[in-house]
Protein backbone atom coordinates (compact mmCIF):
# COMPACT_ATOMS: atom_id res chain seq x y z
CA MET A 1 116.64 133.54 66.14
CA THR A 2 118.41 130.22 66.72
CA ALA A 3 117.55 126.61 66.04
CA GLU A 4 116.08 124.67 68.94
CA ASP A 5 118.12 121.61 67.95
CA ASP A 6 119.92 120.26 64.90
CA ASP A 7 116.73 119.07 63.23
CA LYS A 8 114.49 122.11 63.78
CA THR A 9 114.71 125.65 62.51
CA ALA A 10 112.93 128.72 63.72
CA ILE A 11 111.03 130.41 60.91
CA ASP A 12 113.04 133.51 60.00
CA SER A 13 111.26 135.89 57.66
CA GLY A 14 113.08 137.34 54.71
CA THR A 15 115.00 134.12 53.99
CA THR A 16 114.20 130.75 52.53
CA THR A 17 115.96 129.09 55.45
CA GLY A 18 115.98 129.55 59.17
CA ASP A 19 119.01 130.26 61.34
CA GLY A 20 119.53 126.52 61.86
CA ARG A 21 120.37 123.72 59.47
CA ALA A 22 118.13 123.27 56.42
CA ASN A 23 116.63 119.83 56.08
CA ASP A 24 116.68 119.73 52.27
CA GLY A 25 113.47 117.70 52.41
CA GLU A 26 115.18 114.80 54.25
CA THR A 27 114.04 115.12 57.88
CA GLY A 28 111.13 117.52 57.73
CA SER A 29 107.64 117.37 56.30
CA GLU A 30 107.07 117.04 52.57
CA ARG A 31 103.59 118.54 52.92
CA ALA A 32 102.29 121.98 53.85
CA PHE A 33 98.83 123.18 54.87
CA VAL A 34 98.09 126.92 54.67
CA LEU A 35 95.03 128.12 56.58
CA GLY A 36 94.30 131.68 55.47
CA LEU A 37 92.17 133.95 57.68
CA ASP A 38 91.40 137.22 55.92
CA GLY A 39 91.82 140.38 58.02
CA ILE A 40 92.91 138.90 61.37
CA PRO A 41 95.06 141.27 63.49
CA TRP A 42 97.85 139.85 65.63
CA TYR A 43 96.97 141.80 68.76
CA LEU A 44 93.51 140.19 69.04
CA ILE A 45 94.92 136.68 68.58
CA GLU A 46 97.66 137.35 71.13
CA GLN A 47 95.19 138.87 73.62
CA TRP A 48 92.50 136.19 73.39
CA ALA A 49 94.91 133.26 73.18
CA ALA A 50 96.61 134.44 76.39
CA ALA A 51 93.21 134.77 78.07
CA GLY A 52 92.34 131.15 77.25
CA GLU A 53 89.58 132.06 74.78
CA LEU A 54 91.33 130.55 71.75
CA PRO A 55 92.95 127.29 72.89
CA HIS A 56 94.09 126.10 69.47
CA PHE A 57 95.73 129.40 68.61
CA ALA A 58 97.35 129.30 72.06
CA ARG A 59 98.69 125.84 71.35
CA MET A 60 100.19 126.93 68.04
CA ILE A 61 101.87 129.90 69.72
CA GLU A 62 103.35 127.58 72.36
CA GLU A 63 104.41 124.77 70.05
CA GLY A 64 105.60 126.70 67.02
CA ALA A 65 106.51 130.07 65.56
CA ALA A 66 104.04 132.92 65.95
CA GLY A 67 103.92 136.69 65.59
CA PRO A 68 102.77 139.61 63.47
CA LEU A 69 102.93 139.49 59.67
CA ARG A 70 103.37 142.78 57.81
CA SER A 71 101.11 143.29 54.81
CA THR A 72 101.65 145.01 51.49
CA THR A 73 101.39 148.78 51.14
CA PRO A 74 98.53 149.45 50.72
CA ALA A 75 97.31 146.68 53.02
CA THR A 76 94.68 145.29 50.68
CA THR A 77 93.31 141.80 49.99
CA ALA A 78 93.91 142.11 46.25
CA LEU A 79 97.62 142.83 46.68
CA ALA A 80 98.39 140.72 49.72
CA TRP A 81 97.03 137.26 48.84
CA PRO A 82 98.94 137.09 45.51
CA SER A 83 102.03 138.23 47.47
CA ILE A 84 101.53 135.37 49.93
CA ALA A 85 100.96 132.87 47.12
CA THR A 86 103.89 133.95 44.93
CA GLY A 87 106.49 135.21 47.41
CA VAL A 88 106.92 138.50 45.54
CA GLY A 89 105.35 141.94 45.75
CA PRO A 90 102.87 143.65 43.40
CA ASP A 91 105.63 145.05 41.18
CA LYS A 92 106.52 141.47 40.27
CA HIS A 93 103.21 139.60 40.47
CA GLY A 94 101.33 142.44 38.74
CA ILE A 95 98.20 142.93 40.90
CA TYR A 96 97.63 146.44 42.29
CA GLY A 97 93.98 146.30 43.28
CA PHE A 98 90.62 144.83 42.33
CA GLN A 99 90.39 146.79 39.07
CA LYS A 100 93.13 147.16 36.48
CA LEU A 101 93.56 150.72 35.21
CA SER A 102 94.18 151.17 31.48
CA GLY A 103 95.95 153.89 29.52
CA GLU A 104 92.53 155.14 28.39
CA HIS A 105 91.42 155.83 32.00
CA THR A 106 89.10 152.82 32.04
CA HIS A 107 89.33 149.73 34.18
CA ARG A 108 88.33 146.08 34.33
CA MET A 109 88.41 143.45 37.04
CA TYR A 110 91.77 141.80 37.66
CA LEU A 111 91.87 138.09 36.78
CA ASN A 112 94.03 135.23 37.95
CA THR A 113 95.58 135.31 34.48
CA ASP A 114 96.99 138.76 35.33
CA VAL A 115 99.27 137.20 37.97
CA ARG A 116 102.72 137.26 36.38
CA GLN A 117 104.47 134.78 38.68
CA PRO A 118 103.84 131.13 39.57
CA GLU A 119 101.77 130.60 42.69
CA LEU A 120 102.51 127.95 45.31
CA TRP A 121 100.05 125.49 43.78
CA ASP A 122 101.80 125.84 40.42
CA VAL A 123 105.11 124.57 41.84
CA LEU A 124 104.05 122.28 44.68
CA SER A 125 101.70 119.50 43.60
CA PRO A 126 99.33 117.81 43.82
CA ALA A 127 97.48 120.68 45.47
CA ALA A 128 94.07 121.37 46.98
CA VAL A 129 93.18 125.08 46.82
CA GLY A 130 89.98 126.65 48.11
CA ASN A 131 88.53 130.15 48.31
CA VAL A 132 91.79 132.06 47.82
CA PRO A 133 91.02 135.63 46.66
CA MET A 134 92.13 136.62 43.15
CA THR A 135 92.11 133.04 41.77
CA TYR A 136 89.24 133.46 39.28
CA PRO A 137 89.06 131.98 36.69
CA ALA A 138 90.24 128.69 38.13
CA SER A 139 93.56 127.71 36.56
CA GLU A 140 94.49 124.21 35.47
CA ILE A 141 96.60 122.72 38.24
CA ASP A 142 97.65 119.27 39.31
CA GLY A 143 94.88 118.89 41.85
CA LYS A 144 91.66 120.72 42.70
CA LEU A 145 91.03 124.46 42.83
CA VAL A 146 87.90 126.37 43.88
CA ALA A 147 88.18 130.08 43.12
CA GLY A 148 87.46 132.61 45.84
CA MET A 149 86.77 136.33 46.09
CA MET A 150 86.27 137.97 42.64
CA THR A 151 84.34 134.92 41.38
CA PRO A 152 81.17 136.19 39.64
CA ASP A 153 79.18 132.94 39.68
CA LEU A 154 79.32 129.23 40.49
CA GLU A 155 79.80 127.93 36.96
CA GLY A 156 82.47 125.91 35.19
CA THR A 157 85.28 128.47 35.42
CA PHE A 158 84.78 128.58 39.16
CA THR A 159 86.57 125.26 39.65
CA HIS A 160 89.25 122.96 38.32
CA PRO A 161 88.36 120.43 37.21
CA PRO A 162 85.15 121.95 35.80
CA GLU A 163 82.95 119.10 37.02
CA LEU A 164 83.91 119.93 40.60
CA SER A 165 81.42 122.82 40.48
CA ASP A 166 78.56 120.33 39.95
CA GLU A 167 79.74 118.31 42.92
CA ILE A 168 79.83 121.42 45.12
CA ARG A 169 76.30 122.45 44.12
CA ARG A 170 75.07 118.91 44.79
CA ARG A 171 76.82 118.30 48.11
CA ILE A 172 76.84 121.87 49.48
CA PRO A 173 73.70 123.55 48.08
CA ALA A 174 74.10 126.51 50.46
CA TYR A 175 77.62 127.28 49.21
CA GLN A 176 78.24 130.83 48.01
CA VAL A 177 81.32 132.91 47.32
CA GLY A 178 80.25 135.86 49.45
CA LEU A 179 77.41 137.26 51.49
CA ASP A 180 75.28 140.26 50.47
CA TRP A 181 76.11 142.26 53.58
CA SER A 182 74.11 145.34 52.43
CA ASP A 183 70.88 143.53 53.33
CA TYR A 184 72.01 143.60 56.98
CA ALA A 185 72.72 147.32 57.48
CA GLY A 186 71.53 148.16 60.97
CA ARG A 187 71.16 144.47 61.83
CA GLU A 188 74.75 143.69 62.71
CA ARG A 189 74.16 140.77 65.07
CA GLU A 190 71.88 139.13 62.52
CA PHE A 191 74.63 139.64 59.96
CA ALA A 192 77.07 137.83 62.25
CA ARG A 193 74.70 134.85 62.46
CA ALA A 194 74.25 134.78 58.67
CA LEU A 195 77.99 134.93 58.25
CA SER A 196 78.30 131.91 60.51
CA GLY A 197 76.15 130.02 57.99
CA LEU A 198 78.51 131.09 55.22
CA VAL A 199 81.44 129.81 57.26
CA GLY A 200 79.66 126.51 57.82
CA ALA A 201 79.26 125.99 54.06
CA ARG A 202 82.89 127.00 53.53
CA ARG A 203 83.97 124.44 56.10
CA LYS A 204 82.06 121.74 54.21
CA LEU A 205 84.01 122.71 51.10
CA MET A 206 87.26 122.38 53.03
CA ARG A 207 86.22 118.91 54.14
CA LEU A 208 85.28 117.98 50.58
CA LEU A 209 88.78 118.94 49.42
CA MET A 210 90.25 117.03 52.37
CA GLU A 211 88.91 113.83 50.84
CA ARG A 212 91.81 113.85 48.40
CA GLU A 213 94.75 112.22 50.16
CA ASP A 214 97.66 112.69 47.76
CA TRP A 215 98.21 116.46 48.10
CA ARG A 216 101.51 118.11 48.96
CA LEU A 217 99.96 121.58 49.35
CA PHE A 218 96.60 122.39 50.91
CA PHE A 219 95.75 126.11 50.75
CA PHE A 220 92.37 127.24 52.08
CA VAL A 221 91.11 130.73 53.01
CA TYR A 222 88.23 131.96 55.16
CA THR A 223 87.33 135.57 54.25
CA ALA A 224 84.49 135.91 56.76
CA PRO A 225 86.45 137.79 59.48
CA ASP A 226 87.22 140.62 57.06
CA ARG A 227 83.56 140.92 56.07
CA LEU A 228 82.33 140.90 59.65
CA GLN A 229 84.83 143.42 60.94
CA HIS A 230 84.07 146.01 58.27
CA LEU A 231 80.55 146.27 59.64
CA VAL A 232 80.89 145.16 63.27
CA TRP A 233 83.65 146.22 65.64
CA ASP A 234 82.27 144.89 68.88
CA GLU A 235 84.67 142.67 70.81
CA ASP A 236 81.92 140.38 72.12
CA VAL A 237 80.67 139.71 68.59
CA LEU A 238 84.19 139.37 67.23
CA LEU A 239 85.22 136.96 69.97
CA ASP A 240 82.30 134.68 69.15
CA HIS A 241 83.46 134.59 65.53
CA TYR A 242 87.09 134.05 66.52
CA ARG A 243 86.02 131.10 68.69
CA GLU A 244 84.45 129.61 65.57
CA LEU A 245 87.70 130.13 63.70
CA ASP A 246 89.60 128.56 66.58
CA ASP A 247 87.40 125.48 66.29
CA ILE A 248 88.18 125.28 62.57
CA LEU A 249 91.87 125.63 63.42
CA GLY A 250 91.59 122.68 65.81
CA GLU A 251 90.18 120.52 63.03
CA VAL A 252 92.92 121.64 60.64
CA MET A 253 95.65 121.00 63.23
CA GLU A 254 94.45 117.44 63.67
CA TYR A 255 94.22 116.89 59.91
CA ALA A 256 97.68 118.38 59.26
CA ASN A 257 99.17 116.23 62.01
CA GLU A 258 97.59 113.08 60.58
CA HIS A 259 99.12 113.90 57.20
CA GLU A 260 102.50 114.92 58.68
CA ALA A 261 102.20 118.39 57.17
CA THR A 262 103.73 121.65 58.34
CA LEU A 263 100.85 123.98 59.19
CA PHE A 264 100.89 127.71 58.43
CA VAL A 265 98.17 130.10 59.59
CA VAL A 266 98.36 133.51 57.94
CA SER A 267 96.28 136.61 57.35
CA ASP A 268 96.70 139.07 54.51
CA HIS A 269 96.40 142.12 56.76
CA GLY A 270 95.10 143.21 60.14
CA PHE A 271 92.15 145.33 61.19
CA GLY A 272 91.18 148.29 63.32
CA PRO A 273 88.40 150.83 63.86
CA ILE A 274 87.80 153.78 61.54
CA SER A 275 85.59 156.85 61.91
CA THR A 276 86.38 159.21 59.04
CA PHE A 277 86.66 158.99 55.26
CA VAL A 278 89.18 161.20 53.46
CA SER A 279 88.50 162.02 49.80
CA VAL A 280 91.94 162.26 48.21
CA ASN A 281 90.48 163.27 44.86
CA ARG A 282 88.62 166.12 46.55
CA ILE A 283 91.95 167.26 47.98
CA PHE A 284 93.44 167.13 44.49
CA GLU A 285 90.51 169.15 43.16
CA ASN A 286 90.91 171.76 45.89
CA GLU A 287 94.64 172.07 45.16
CA GLY A 288 94.15 172.35 41.38
CA TYR A 289 95.62 168.96 40.47
CA LEU A 290 92.31 167.45 39.36
CA VAL A 291 89.50 169.00 37.29
CA ARG A 292 85.97 167.65 37.13
CA ARG A 293 84.22 167.23 33.81
CA ARG A 294 82.40 170.31 32.64
CA ASP A 295 78.68 169.78 32.35
CA GLY A 296 78.00 170.13 28.65
CA GLY A 297 75.24 168.45 26.63
CA THR A 298 73.12 166.02 28.60
CA ARG A 299 75.27 166.36 31.70
CA GLY A 300 74.94 170.14 31.56
CA LEU A 301 71.19 170.01 31.27
CA LEU A 302 70.91 167.53 34.13
CA SER A 303 73.27 169.64 36.22
CA ASP A 304 71.22 172.78 35.59
CA LEU A 305 68.15 170.87 36.72
CA GLY A 306 69.94 169.78 39.89
CA VAL A 307 70.07 166.12 38.88
CA THR A 308 72.98 164.22 40.46
CA LYS A 309 73.82 160.55 41.01
CA SER A 310 73.15 160.82 44.74
CA GLY A 311 69.82 162.52 44.06
CA VAL A 312 68.78 159.87 41.56
CA MET A 313 69.69 157.05 43.95
CA SER A 314 67.83 158.69 46.82
CA ALA A 315 64.69 158.96 44.69
CA LEU A 316 64.99 155.33 43.58
CA LYS A 317 65.46 154.11 47.14
CA ARG A 318 62.21 155.79 48.15
CA VAL A 319 60.40 153.47 45.75
CA GLY A 320 62.36 150.38 46.77
CA ILE A 321 65.12 150.36 44.14
CA ASP A 322 68.72 150.41 45.36
CA ASP A 323 72.08 150.15 43.62
CA LYS A 324 72.10 146.36 44.17
CA THR A 325 68.85 146.03 42.22
CA LEU A 326 70.16 148.20 39.38
CA VAL A 327 73.34 146.17 39.09
CA GLU A 328 71.38 142.92 39.15
CA TYR A 329 68.82 143.76 36.47
CA LEU A 330 70.40 146.32 34.12
CA PRO A 331 73.17 145.53 31.60
CA GLN A 332 76.60 146.77 32.67
CA GLY A 333 76.95 148.80 29.46
CA LEU A 334 73.74 150.69 30.17
CA LEU A 335 74.81 151.36 33.74
CA ASP A 336 78.20 152.69 32.59
CA ALA A 337 76.64 154.90 29.92
CA THR A 338 74.15 156.30 32.42
CA ALA A 339 76.86 156.88 35.03
CA LYS A 340 78.88 158.90 32.52
CA GLN A 341 75.92 161.17 31.75
CA ILE A 342 74.69 161.92 35.27
CA PRO A 343 76.93 164.31 37.25
CA GLY A 344 78.36 162.75 40.38
CA GLU A 345 81.45 161.78 42.37
CA HIS A 346 83.00 158.98 40.30
CA ALA A 347 86.80 158.96 40.23
CA LEU A 348 86.87 158.15 36.49
CA TYR A 349 83.52 159.15 34.97
CA ASP A 350 83.46 162.61 36.54
CA VAL A 351 87.07 163.66 35.90
CA ASP A 352 88.31 165.74 32.97
CA PHE A 353 91.56 163.94 32.31
CA GLY A 354 92.49 166.40 29.59
CA GLU A 355 93.07 168.97 32.35
CA THR A 356 93.95 166.70 35.30
CA ARG A 357 97.54 166.18 36.44
CA VAL A 358 97.12 163.77 39.36
CA PHE A 359 94.32 161.42 40.43
CA PHE A 360 93.56 158.79 43.09
CA HIS A 361 92.37 155.34 41.99
CA GLY A 362 91.54 152.13 43.81
CA SER A 363 92.51 151.37 47.40
CA GLY A 364 95.27 153.85 48.05
CA THR A 365 97.06 154.39 44.73
CA VAL A 366 97.86 157.75 43.11
CA TYR A 367 98.81 158.24 39.47
CA VAL A 368 100.40 161.18 37.74
CA ASN A 369 98.50 161.68 34.48
CA ASP A 370 101.62 161.59 32.32
CA THR A 371 101.70 161.39 28.56
CA ARG A 372 103.80 158.21 28.50
CA ARG A 373 101.33 156.12 30.43
CA PHE A 374 97.97 157.67 29.53
CA ALA A 375 96.53 158.47 26.10
CA ASN A 376 94.88 161.57 27.53
CA GLY A 377 97.83 162.52 29.73
CA THR A 378 98.80 166.08 30.54
CA VAL A 379 102.19 165.81 32.30
CA ASP A 380 105.55 165.49 30.56
CA PRO A 381 107.32 162.37 31.91
CA ALA A 382 110.36 164.54 32.71
CA ASP A 383 108.21 166.53 35.13
CA VAL A 384 106.86 163.52 37.02
CA PRO A 385 109.52 163.31 39.80
CA ALA A 386 109.15 166.96 40.80
CA LEU A 387 105.35 166.79 40.67
CA LYS A 388 105.40 163.67 42.84
CA ARG A 389 107.50 165.44 45.45
CA ASP A 390 105.09 168.36 45.51
CA VAL A 391 102.05 166.10 45.84
CA GLU A 392 103.68 163.97 48.52
CA ALA A 393 104.55 167.04 50.57
CA MET A 394 101.06 168.46 50.15
CA LEU A 395 99.29 165.25 51.19
CA SER A 396 101.60 164.83 54.18
CA ARG A 397 100.38 168.20 55.49
CA VAL A 398 96.65 167.35 55.31
CA VAL A 399 95.11 167.87 58.74
CA ASP A 400 91.58 167.22 59.95
CA PRO A 401 90.26 170.70 60.83
CA GLU A 402 88.06 169.30 63.60
CA THR A 403 90.78 167.38 65.45
CA GLY A 404 94.02 168.97 64.25
CA GLU A 405 95.32 165.48 63.52
CA ARG A 406 97.44 164.60 60.51
CA ALA A 407 95.26 162.31 58.39
CA LEU A 408 97.49 160.65 55.78
CA ASP A 409 100.72 158.74 55.28
CA VAL A 410 102.28 158.92 51.80
CA TYR A 411 104.74 156.52 50.14
CA ASP A 412 106.78 156.77 46.94
CA GLY A 413 105.75 154.16 44.38
CA VAL A 414 109.30 153.84 43.06
CA GLU A 415 110.47 152.76 46.51
CA LEU A 416 107.52 150.40 47.08
CA PHE A 417 107.45 148.90 43.59
CA PRO A 418 110.97 149.24 42.10
CA ALA A 419 110.62 146.40 39.57
CA ASP A 420 107.67 147.89 37.65
CA GLU A 421 107.94 151.17 35.75
CA ASN A 422 104.15 151.22 35.34
CA ALA A 423 103.43 150.92 39.05
CA PRO A 424 101.40 153.59 40.87
CA ASP A 425 103.35 156.78 41.47
CA LEU A 426 102.34 157.17 45.11
CA VAL A 427 100.45 155.24 47.75
CA VAL A 428 98.31 157.10 50.27
CA ARG A 429 97.08 155.49 53.46
CA GLY A 430 94.84 156.88 56.17
CA ARG A 431 96.38 157.18 59.63
CA GLU A 432 94.70 155.57 62.64
CA GLU A 433 90.92 155.96 62.19
CA TYR A 434 91.10 157.75 58.82
CA GLN A 435 90.26 155.80 55.65
CA THR A 436 91.02 157.04 52.12
CA ILE A 437 88.29 156.94 49.45
CA GLN A 438 88.36 157.82 45.76
CA SER A 439 84.92 159.46 45.41
CA ILE A 440 85.05 163.20 44.76
CA THR A 441 82.85 164.13 47.70
CA ASP A 442 81.67 167.65 48.53
CA GLU A 443 83.89 167.69 51.62
CA VAL A 444 87.35 166.26 52.17
CA PHE A 445 86.37 164.69 55.50
CA THR A 446 83.13 162.74 55.97
CA GLY A 447 81.92 160.17 58.50
CA SER A 448 82.56 156.52 57.66
CA GLY A 449 78.88 155.60 58.16
CA THR A 450 78.19 151.88 58.50
CA LYS A 451 81.80 150.96 57.73
CA VAL A 452 83.19 150.94 61.26
CA ALA A 453 86.57 149.27 60.76
CA SER A 454 89.11 148.64 58.03
CA HIS A 455 92.54 147.30 57.20
CA ARG A 456 95.72 147.67 59.20
CA SER A 457 99.19 146.52 58.22
CA GLU A 458 99.79 143.93 60.95
CA GLY A 459 98.31 140.50 60.29
CA ILE A 460 99.27 137.09 61.72
CA PHE A 461 101.80 134.35 61.07
CA LEU A 462 101.79 131.03 62.92
CA ALA A 463 103.53 127.78 62.00
CA THR A 464 103.98 124.34 63.53
CA GLY A 465 105.67 121.25 62.16
CA PRO A 466 108.77 119.08 62.20
CA ASP A 467 110.97 121.90 60.93
CA VAL A 468 109.64 124.68 63.16
CA ALA A 469 111.21 125.52 66.51
CA ALA A 470 108.72 125.89 69.37
CA GLY A 471 108.10 129.18 71.12
CA THR A 472 109.81 131.35 68.51
CA THR A 473 108.80 134.71 67.08
CA PRO A 474 109.50 135.64 63.44
CA GLU A 475 111.31 138.95 63.13
CA ASN A 476 110.07 141.52 60.62
CA ALA A 477 107.95 138.91 58.85
CA HIS A 478 106.31 140.12 55.63
CA VAL A 479 103.66 138.51 53.43
CA VAL A 480 106.25 137.86 50.70
CA ASP A 481 108.17 135.66 53.16
CA VAL A 482 105.43 133.04 53.47
CA ALA A 483 105.97 131.24 50.15
CA PRO A 484 109.77 130.85 50.34
CA THR A 485 109.54 129.78 53.98
CA LEU A 486 106.92 127.18 53.10
CA LEU A 487 108.90 125.88 50.14
CA HIS A 488 111.96 125.51 52.36
CA THR A 489 110.06 123.34 54.83
CA VAL A 490 108.86 120.89 52.15
CA GLY A 491 112.21 120.49 50.43
CA PRO A 492 112.96 120.47 46.69
CA VAL A 493 110.18 121.33 44.26
CA GLU A 494 110.00 121.52 40.50
CA THR A 495 109.56 125.02 39.07
CA ARG A 496 109.04 126.40 35.61
CA ALA A 497 109.29 129.89 34.19
CA TYR A 498 106.17 131.98 33.71
CA THR A 499 105.53 135.06 31.63
CA ALA A 500 102.60 137.45 31.99
CA GLY A 501 99.30 135.88 31.05
CA ASP A 502 100.51 132.36 30.22
CA ARG A 503 98.79 130.58 33.13
CA PRO A 504 96.24 128.16 31.61
CA THR A 505 92.54 128.90 32.03
CA ARG A 506 89.29 127.22 31.14
CA ALA A 507 88.70 126.99 27.40
CA GLY A 508 87.19 130.14 25.92
CA GLU A 509 87.35 132.16 29.13
CA SER A 510 88.27 135.84 29.02
CA GLU A 511 87.52 138.91 31.06
CA ASP A 512 84.72 139.73 28.60
CA ASP A 513 82.96 136.39 29.07
CA ALA A 514 82.08 136.76 32.73
CA ASP A 515 79.31 138.87 34.24
CA TYR A 516 80.98 140.69 37.13
CA SER A 517 77.87 142.49 38.35
CA GLY A 518 77.60 140.32 41.43
CA VAL A 519 81.20 140.61 42.52
CA GLU A 520 81.24 144.35 41.79
CA ASP A 521 78.16 144.74 43.96
CA ARG A 522 79.85 142.93 46.85
CA LEU A 523 83.01 145.01 46.51
CA ARG A 524 80.99 148.22 46.23
CA GLY A 525 79.17 147.36 49.42
CA LEU A 526 82.44 146.94 51.29
CA GLY A 527 83.65 150.29 50.01
CA TYR A 528 86.27 148.83 47.65
CA LEU A 529 84.47 150.14 44.55
CA GLU A 530 82.19 153.07 43.80
């Protein structure tokens, strides 16, 4: 990739400069606007922009740099947005999923305070930040921040400064972090219309943040496309939603131009259809790597009586009580205690870790149950490399008996996450229309049900501005390239060193203070949690 002229550089991923001359903040923009669109695949943008359906995307492609953006492995919201915001991968920023696994085989929700590296709004200020996933609780920044996905409620820790939450409730009474999609099962087009209302409220928030004029960084994310596509994979419905996003992009382009800001449009990952779930833990059980808890005591009695979690939930649904209602009205401790006593498919509650060597957790990660990392481990650390090789070879041979197709791709955690000795040992990803799940189902392969599409690796990257050469295509662009590329375009910034957990939070806030029932319910509905 070459510079178009002496004053413009084509965005070249993997470097903090382009192939042309760096401006060092002298000739280019000193501001940057990042418009995040969760789950947008490049091929749909390219197709519909060329067809004239998305004029503002088409204009960005013509006037700037545009192309696919490779996500993290696994291609998951929780890993990818912190990678975009920090410019480093999970082994350095510290986020491997929505729930953090402990050495006692328990987990809790990841918090913004778990991010081990400074994010763009920590080093480029003043900043306006809205709805970025994994930013709860809102950190103290020079500017305004409204936390996004993983926010349990709209209270003080939802914003910085704290009083901003009152202003949002007053000026945007319909504002909400997410939409309860489970209410729309079987009513997909109605869901799309409701989601449009969510987007409208989100757009009002963006405009509220736009009222501040002194920002150097504006970072705002719309997560609606991801939510829609999980449940609806109909091109007519999707195109209507993408037209709405294109209209938002037009407004942002005008605003960025007025403020002489370089504009970046990025997605954390792409999307594509799925049809089949693959239970990796069931594979491990079949191969003798994982052992389910024996049914002694209360569990044994319930098992003898044929009582299971699925049976209990089916009976409750017949009288109008679903898992959403249980989560909403019962204390989390009671739910956890009950879940541990009723036999079922849970990847933690229903596993005997005293006899298990390998287990699948979260969205694609596999852990060897070694004695160094886990209090109830069973594998000598010296045996981990050989066991990993055996498991990787075994998973690579898994074939769908109905189609004869290979179902899984497997990656070595040491190669993916070299900077973190406590990183997952392996990553497993479904191929094509196969989606991995952690539940220990009765069968390895099951239909995906109402979840009709899921994540793919290839997202989008578009940029326009004084320092961006027109009509260029980034080569091998990765989500970790966004932050350094952005910082190059705005010139020198002040940075400071961070250590794990030292990002400031609202006074008195901790992971134990927040009620995560709402956010867990939303994640469970999307298939991210059990």
